[in-house]
């Protein structure tokens, strides 16, 4: 897939506040400081599209970017930001749950994990909840360039074992925003998903 246009269309705190134009949504989420904004900028080829910061918890709204005029890339707030107040944490949790549970246009949720660290309990619980709800999702390992191949293979294998205990066969993408590793694989997966949705719509229209 070639991304020709990526346009910010708005921020929201509730599903009913999403952009009026409806299109398939591919959303990205992960713990604070997992490298989500950098990954989104890398995928779209626009350095400043999603705001990056060394301070975790920068994304505090649900942000919609219209890609090629036909689908949305959705930047969700990070979860597990310990420095936020309990009230702020509860607000972010509610916002995430509202979107993930009630957005009818959500086609795929990409859950980001830092490849340098073991799967944390908060990640395990979130992935388990998503899998249990039947929401389509894949896992994206970030910052893979920060590890040697041996260390990356070891961490990936350990993580895959834990993921299999949640749901066997979860798709995992290895990425590096700096080296653009994994970009083609993720965009190809999105393109395949869009084609499937179009075919389903055609079949529905002919019935």
C-alpha atoms as a PDB file:
ATOM      1  CA  UNK A   1       0.000   0.000   0.000  1.00  0.00           C
ATOM      2  CA  UNK A   2       1.172   3.507  -0.848  1.00  0.00           C
ATOM      3  CA  UNK A   3      -0.031   6.217   1.521  1.00  0.00           C
ATOM      4  CA  UNK A   4      -0.650   9.337  -0.546  1.00  0.00           C
ATOM      5  CA  UNK A   5      -2.564  11.412   1.994  1.00  0.00           C
ATOM      6  CA  UNK A   6      -2.859  11.344   5.782  1.00  0.00           C
ATOM      7  CA  UNK A   7      -5.111  14.061   7.177  1.00  0.00           C
ATOM      8  CA  UNK A   8      -5.985  14.718  10.806  1.00  0.00           C
ATOM      9  CA  UNK A   9      -9.788  14.763  11.035  1.00  0.00           C
ATOM     10  CA  UNK A  10     -10.417  15.305  14.722  1.00  0.00           C
ATOM     11  CA  UNK A  11     -10.102  14.234  18.349  1.00  0.00           C
ATOM     12  CA  UNK A  12     -12.788  12.746  20.546  1.00  0.00           C
ATOM     13  CA  UNK A  13     -13.478  11.352  23.990  1.00  0.00           C
ATOM     14  CA  UNK A  14     -16.586   9.349  23.042  1.00  0.00           C
ATOM     15  CA  UNK A  15     -17.557   7.172  20.075  1.00  0.00           C
ATOM     16  CA  UNK A  16     -20.441   9.471  19.143  1.00  0.00           C
ATOM     17  CA  UNK A  17     -17.937  12.310  18.657  1.00  0.00           C
ATOM     18  CA  UNK A  18     -16.044  10.523  15.882  1.00  0.00           C
ATOM     19  CA  UNK A  19     -15.782  12.153  12.416  1.00  0.00           C
ATOM     20  CA  UNK A  20     -19.062  12.162  10.495  1.00  0.00           C
ATOM     21  CA  UNK A  21     -17.518  10.407   7.485  1.00  0.00           C
ATOM     22  CA  UNK A  22     -17.559   6.692   8.262  1.00  0.00           C
ATOM     23  CA  UNK A  23     -14.797   4.372   7.036  1.00  0.00           C
ATOM     24  CA  UNK A  24     -12.920   1.289   8.303  1.00  0.00           C
ATOM     25  CA  UNK A  25     -10.737   2.059  11.302  1.00  0.00           C
ATOM     26  CA  UNK A  26      -7.334   0.568  12.114  1.00  0.00           C
ATOM     27  CA  UNK A  27      -6.445   1.593  15.652  1.00  0.00           C
ATOM     28  CA  UNK A  28      -3.123   1.597  17.510  1.00  0.00           C
ATOM     29  CA  UNK A  29      -2.739   1.308  21.261  1.00  0.00           C
ATOM     30  CA  UNK A  30      -0.102   0.382  23.832  1.00  0.00           C
ATOM     31  CA  UNK A  31       1.408   1.286  27.163  1.00  0.00           C
ATOM     32  CA  UNK A  32       2.645   4.834  27.552  1.00  0.00           C
ATOM     33  CA  UNK A  33       6.055   5.431  25.944  1.00  0.00           C
ATOM     34  CA  UNK A  34       5.910   2.252  23.842  1.00  0.00           C
ATOM     35  CA  UNK A  35       6.727   4.231  20.690  1.00  0.00           C
ATOM     36  CA  UNK A  36       3.209   4.507  19.279  1.00  0.00           C
ATOM     37  CA  UNK A  37       3.440   8.022  17.851  1.00  0.00           C
ATOM     38  CA  UNK A  38       6.782   7.280  16.188  1.00  0.00           C
ATOM     39  CA  UNK A  39       5.329   4.115  14.644  1.00  0.00           C
ATOM     40  CA  UNK A  40       2.295   5.986  13.293  1.00  0.00           C
ATOM     41  CA  UNK A  41       4.512   8.687  11.786  1.00  0.00           C
ATOM     42  CA  UNK A  42       6.692   5.999  10.208  1.00  0.00           C
ATOM     43  CA  UNK A  43       3.720   4.158   8.719  1.00  0.00           C
ATOM     44  CA  UNK A  44       2.269   7.350   7.240  1.00  0.00           C
ATOM     45  CA  UNK A  45       5.591   8.796   6.124  1.00  0.00           C
ATOM     46  CA  UNK A  46       4.913  12.069   7.953  1.00  0.00           C
ATOM     47  CA  UNK A  47       7.306  12.873  10.767  1.00  0.00           C
ATOM     48  CA  UNK A  48       5.009  15.214  12.704  1.00  0.00           C
ATOM     49  CA  UNK A  49       1.609  13.626  12.047  1.00  0.00           C
ATOM     50  CA  UNK A  50       1.224  12.092  15.510  1.00  0.00           C
ATOM     51  CA  UNK A  51       2.781  14.122  18.302  1.00  0.00           C
ATOM     52  CA  UNK A  52       5.812  12.465  19.862  1.00  0.00           C
ATOM     53  CA  UNK A  53       7.267  13.273  23.247  1.00  0.00           C
ATOM     54  CA  UNK A  54       9.795  11.901  25.701  1.00  0.00           C
ATOM     55  CA  UNK A  55       7.092  12.409  28.331  1.00  0.00           C
ATOM     56  CA  UNK A  56       4.791   9.354  28.538  1.00  0.00           C
ATOM     57  CA  UNK A  57       1.041   9.894  28.302  1.00  0.00           C
ATOM     58  CA  UNK A  58       1.132  12.588  25.603  1.00  0.00           C
ATOM     59  CA  UNK A  59      -1.897  11.194  23.750  1.00  0.00           C
ATOM     60  CA  UNK A  60      -4.974  11.841  25.886  1.00  0.00           C
ATOM     61  CA  UNK A  61      -7.691  11.772  23.203  1.00  0.00           C
ATOM     62  CA  UNK A  62      -8.828   9.436  20.451  1.00  0.00           C
ATOM     63  CA  UNK A  63      -7.308  10.905  17.271  1.00  0.00           C
ATOM     64  CA  UNK A  64      -8.576  10.066  13.772  1.00  0.00           C
ATOM     65  CA  UNK A  65      -6.389  10.400  10.658  1.00  0.00           C
ATOM     66  CA  UNK A  66      -8.046   9.837   7.267  1.00  0.00           C
ATOM     67  CA  UNK A  67      -5.710   7.828   5.031  1.00  0.00           C
ATOM     68  CA  UNK A  68      -6.019   8.044   1.231  1.00  0.00           C
ATOM     69  CA  UNK A  69      -9.566   9.283   1.757  1.00  0.00           C
ATOM     70  CA  UNK A  70     -10.759   5.725   2.386  1.00  0.00           C
ATOM     71  CA  UNK A  71      -9.819   4.511   5.897  1.00  0.00           C
ATOM     72  CA  UNK A  72      -8.878   5.837   9.298  1.00  0.00           C
ATOM     73  CA  UNK A  73      -5.740   5.315  11.296  1.00  0.00           C
ATOM     74  CA  UNK A  74      -6.806   5.828  14.912  1.00  0.00           C
ATOM     75  CA  UNK A  75      -4.315   6.882  17.583  1.00  0.00           C
ATOM     76  CA  UNK A  76      -5.635   5.768  20.965  1.00  0.00           C
ATOM     77  CA  UNK A  77      -4.414   7.004  24.370  1.00  0.00           C
ATOM     78  CA  UNK A  78      -1.767   4.889  26.044  1.00  0.00           C
ATOM     79  CA  UNK A  79      -2.759   2.770  29.009  1.00  0.00           C
ATOM     80  CA  UNK A  80      -0.882   2.236  32.254  1.00  0.00           C
ATOM     81  CA  UNK A  81       0.502   5.770  32.705  1.00  0.00           C
ATOM     82  CA  UNK A  82       1.363   5.560  36.405  1.00  0.00           C
ATOM     83  CA  UNK A  83       2.145   9.275  36.802  1.00  0.00           C
ATOM     84  CA  UNK A  84      -1.393  10.302  35.905  1.00  0.00           C
ATOM     85  CA  UNK A  85      -3.846  10.945  38.720  1.00  0.00           C
ATOM     86  CA  UNK A  86      -6.364   8.226  39.538  1.00  0.00           C
ATOM     87  CA  UNK A  87      -9.098  10.408  38.043  1.00  0.00           C
ATOM     88  CA  UNK A  88      -7.121  10.865  34.816  1.00  0.00           C
ATOM     89  CA  UNK A  89      -6.337   7.140  34.636  1.00  0.00           C
ATOM     90  CA  UNK A  90     -10.023   6.294  35.090  1.00  0.00           C
ATOM     91  CA  UNK A  91     -10.964   8.782  32.374  1.00  0.00           C
ATOM     92  CA  UNK A  92      -8.466   7.315  29.898  1.00  0.00           C
ATOM     93  CA  UNK A  93      -9.557   3.763  30.717  1.00  0.00           C
ATOM     94  CA  UNK A  94     -13.189   4.694  30.124  1.00  0.00           C
ATOM     95  CA  UNK A  95     -12.296   6.401  26.836  1.00  0.00           C
ATOM     96  CA  UNK A  96     -10.371   3.369  25.581  1.00  0.00           C
ATOM     97  CA  UNK A  97     -13.079   0.904  26.624  1.00  0.00           C
ATOM     98  CA  UNK A  98     -15.788   3.023  24.986  1.00  0.00           C
ATOM     99  CA  UNK A  99     -13.944   3.137  21.671  1.00  0.00           C
ATOM    100  CA  UNK A 100     -12.780  -0.484  21.563  1.00  0.00           C
ATOM    101  CA  UNK A 101     -16.164  -1.856  22.641  1.00  0.00           C
ATOM    102  CA  UNK A 102     -18.504   0.402  20.679  1.00  0.00           C
ATOM    103  CA  UNK A 103     -16.816   1.647  17.503  1.00  0.00           C
ATOM    104  CA  UNK A 104     -18.710  -0.199  14.766  1.00  0.00           C
ATOM    105  CA  UNK A 105     -16.085   0.788  12.188  1.00  0.00           C
ATOM    106  CA  UNK A 106     -13.142  -0.765  14.086  1.00  0.00           C
ATOM    107  CA  UNK A 107     -11.631  -3.305  11.689  1.00  0.00           C
ATOM    108  CA  UNK A 108      -8.403  -4.125  13.535  1.00  0.00           C
ATOM    109  CA  UNK A 109      -6.701  -3.157  16.776  1.00  0.00           C
ATOM    110  CA  UNK A 110      -2.895  -3.129  16.751  1.00  0.00           C
ATOM    111  CA  UNK A 111      -1.555  -3.606  20.285  1.00  0.00           C
ATOM    112  CA  UNK A 112       2.009  -2.329  20.696  1.00  0.00           C
ATOM    113  CA  UNK A 113       4.548  -3.988  22.987  1.00  0.00           C
ATOM    114  CA  UNK A 114       8.130  -2.878  23.671  1.00  0.00           C
ATOM    115  CA  UNK A 115      10.339  -5.680  22.333  1.00  0.00           C
ATOM    116  CA  UNK A 116      13.003  -4.938  24.950  1.00  0.00           C
ATOM    117  CA  UNK A 117      10.853  -5.955  27.903  1.00  0.00           C
ATOM    118  CA  UNK A 118       8.899  -9.053  28.966  1.00  0.00           C
ATOM    119  CA  UNK A 119       5.133  -9.032  28.575  1.00  0.00           C
ATOM    120  CA  UNK A 120       3.842  -7.039  31.526  1.00  0.00           C
ATOM    121  CA  UNK A 121       0.747  -7.950  33.525  1.00  0.00           C
ATOM    122  CA  UNK A 122      -1.130  -4.876  32.285  1.00  0.00           C
ATOM    123  CA  UNK A 123      -0.446  -5.909  28.673  1.00  0.00           C
ATOM    124  CA  UNK A 124      -1.450  -9.511  29.329  1.00  0.00           C
ATOM    125  CA  UNK A 125      -4.709  -8.416  30.932  1.00  0.00           C
ATOM    126  CA  UNK A 126      -5.528  -5.948  28.155  1.00  0.00           C
ATOM    127  CA  UNK A 127      -4.831  -8.472  25.392  1.00  0.00           C
ATOM    128  CA  UNK A 128      -6.865 -11.100  27.242  1.00  0.00           C
ATOM    129  CA  UNK A 129      -9.820  -8.715  27.488  1.00  0.00           C
ATOM    130  CA  UNK A 130      -9.622  -7.830  23.793  1.00  0.00           C
ATOM    131  CA  UNK A 131      -9.376 -11.485  22.778  1.00  0.00           C
ATOM    132  CA  UNK A 132     -12.250 -12.406  25.083  1.00  0.00           C
ATOM    133  CA  UNK A 133     -14.440  -9.727  23.513  1.00  0.00           C
ATOM    134  CA  UNK A 134     -13.809 -11.142  20.038  1.00  0.00           C
ATOM    135  CA  UNK A 135     -12.212  -7.935  18.734  1.00  0.00           C
ATOM    136  CA  UNK A 136      -9.853  -8.478  15.759  1.00  0.00           C
ATOM    137  CA  UNK A 137      -6.313  -7.608  16.814  1.00  0.00           C
ATOM    138  CA  UNK A 138      -2.629  -8.101  16.130  1.00  0.00           C
ATOM    139  CA  UNK A 139       0.495  -7.430  18.201  1.00  0.00           C
ATOM    140  CA  UNK A 140       3.238  -5.023  17.132  1.00  0.00           C
ATOM    141  CA  UNK A 141       6.681  -5.270  18.721  1.00  0.00           C
ATOM    142  CA  UNK A 142       8.371  -1.862  18.760  1.00  0.00           C
ATOM    143  CA  UNK A 143      11.999  -0.719  19.012  1.00  0.00           C
ATOM    144  CA  UNK A 144      13.335  -3.999  17.621  1.00  0.00           C
ATOM    145  CA  UNK A 145      16.488  -2.242  16.402  1.00  0.00           C
ATOM    146  CA  UNK A 146      17.501  -1.646  20.020  1.00  0.00           C
ATOM    147  CA  UNK A 147      18.243  -5.358  20.526  1.00  0.00           C
ATOM    148  CA  UNK A 148      20.722  -7.794  19.019  1.00  0.00           C
ATOM    149  CA  UNK A 149      19.165 -10.473  16.829  1.00  0.00           C
ATOM    150  CA  UNK A 150      19.772 -13.103  19.512  1.00  0.00           C
ATOM    151  CA  UNK A 151      18.145 -10.985  22.228  1.00  0.00           C
ATOM    152  CA  UNK A 152      15.218 -10.100  19.963  1.00  0.00           C
ATOM    153  CA  UNK A 153      14.655 -13.746  19.051  1.00  0.00           C
ATOM    154  CA  UNK A 154      14.748 -14.730  22.735  1.00  0.00           C
ATOM    155  CA  UNK A 155      12.289 -12.012  23.781  1.00  0.00           C
ATOM    156  CA  UNK A 156       9.993 -12.671  20.830  1.00  0.00           C
ATOM    157  CA  UNK A 157       9.890 -16.402  21.563  1.00  0.00           C
ATOM    158  CA  UNK A 158       9.061 -15.812  25.236  1.00  0.00           C
ATOM    159  CA  UNK A 159       6.385 -13.286  24.324  1.00  0.00           C
ATOM    160  CA  UNK A 160       4.884 -15.582  21.694  1.00  0.00           C
ATOM    161  CA  UNK A 161       4.548 -18.341  24.288  1.00  0.00           C
ATOM    162  CA  UNK A 162       2.623 -16.031  26.608  1.00  0.00           C
ATOM    163  CA  UNK A 163       0.466 -14.735  23.759  1.00  0.00           C
ATOM    164  CA  UNK A 164      -0.363 -18.302  22.716  1.00  0.00           C
ATOM    165  CA  UNK A 165      -1.678 -18.910  26.222  1.00  0.00           C
ATOM    166  CA  UNK A 166      -4.205 -16.134  25.565  1.00  0.00           C
ATOM    167  CA  UNK A 167      -5.069 -17.055  21.990  1.00  0.00           C
ATOM    168  CA  UNK A 168      -3.048 -19.333  19.693  1.00  0.00           C
ATOM    169  CA  UNK A 169      -1.916 -17.889  16.377  1.00  0.00           C
ATOM    170  CA  UNK A 170      -1.879 -14.170  17.207  1.00  0.00           C
ATOM    171  CA  UNK A 171      -0.219 -12.245  14.364  1.00  0.00           C
ATOM    172  CA  UNK A 172       2.949 -10.477  15.541  1.00  0.00           C
ATOM    173  CA  UNK A 173       4.777  -7.733  13.624  1.00  0.00           C
ATOM    174  CA  UNK A 174       8.395  -6.822  14.455  1.00  0.00           C
ATOM    175  CA  UNK A 175       9.046  -3.118  13.853  1.00  0.00           C
ATOM    176  CA  UNK A 176      11.561  -0.315  14.119  1.00  0.00           C
ATOM    177  CA  UNK A 177      10.397   3.248  13.536  1.00  0.00           C
ATOM    178  CA  UNK A 178      13.964   4.419  12.943  1.00  0.00           C
ATOM    179  CA  UNK A 179      14.762   1.765  10.329  1.00  0.00           C
ATOM    180  CA  UNK A 180      11.179   1.503   8.999  1.00  0.00           C
ATOM    181  CA  UNK A 181      11.202  -2.226   9.700  1.00  0.00           C
ATOM    182  CA  UNK A 182       7.748  -3.792   9.532  1.00  0.00           C
ATOM    183  CA  UNK A 183       6.146  -0.902   7.650  1.00  0.00           C
ATOM    184  CA  UNK A 184       5.337  -2.878   4.512  1.00  0.00           C
ATOM    185  CA  UNK A 185       4.053  -5.855   6.501  1.00  0.00           C
ATOM    186  CA  UNK A 186       1.595  -3.776   8.545  1.00  0.00           C
ATOM    187  CA  UNK A 187       0.366  -1.758   5.565  1.00  0.00           C
ATOM    188  CA  UNK A 188      -0.056  -4.958   3.534  1.00  0.00           C
ATOM    189  CA  UNK A 189      -2.144  -6.440   6.351  1.00  0.00           C
ATOM    190  CA  UNK A 190      -4.328  -3.331   6.409  1.00  0.00           C
ATOM    191  CA  UNK A 191      -4.683  -3.415   2.620  1.00  0.00           C
ATOM    192  CA  UNK A 192      -5.711  -7.081   2.736  1.00  0.00           C
ATOM    193  CA  UNK A 193      -8.259  -6.258   5.423  1.00  0.00           C
ATOM    194  CA  UNK A 194      -9.706  -3.421   3.349  1.00  0.00           C
ATOM    195  CA  UNK A 195      -9.991  -5.706   0.323  1.00  0.00           C
ATOM    196  CA  UNK A 196     -11.820  -8.301   2.429  1.00  0.00           C
ATOM    197  CA  UNK A 197     -14.253  -5.647   3.665  1.00  0.00           C
ATOM    198  CA  UNK A 198     -14.905  -4.472   0.094  1.00  0.00           C
ATOM    199  CA  UNK A 199     -15.554  -8.041  -1.057  1.00  0.00           C
ATOM    200  CA  UNK A 200     -17.931  -8.612   1.847  1.00  0.00           C
ATOM    201  CA  UNK A 201     -19.786  -5.425   0.933  1.00  0.00           C
ATOM    202  CA  UNK A 202     -20.061  -6.507  -2.710  1.00  0.00           C
ATOM    203  CA  UNK A 203     -21.443  -9.887  -1.664  1.00  0.00           C
ATOM    204  CA  UNK A 204     -23.960  -8.179   0.614  1.00  0.00           C
ATOM    205  CA  UNK A 205     -25.034  -5.810  -2.166  1.00  0.00           C
ATOM    206  CA  UNK A 206     -25.688  -8.695  -4.570  1.00  0.00           C
ATOM    207  CA  UNK A 207     -27.916 -10.616  -2.164  1.00  0.00           C
END
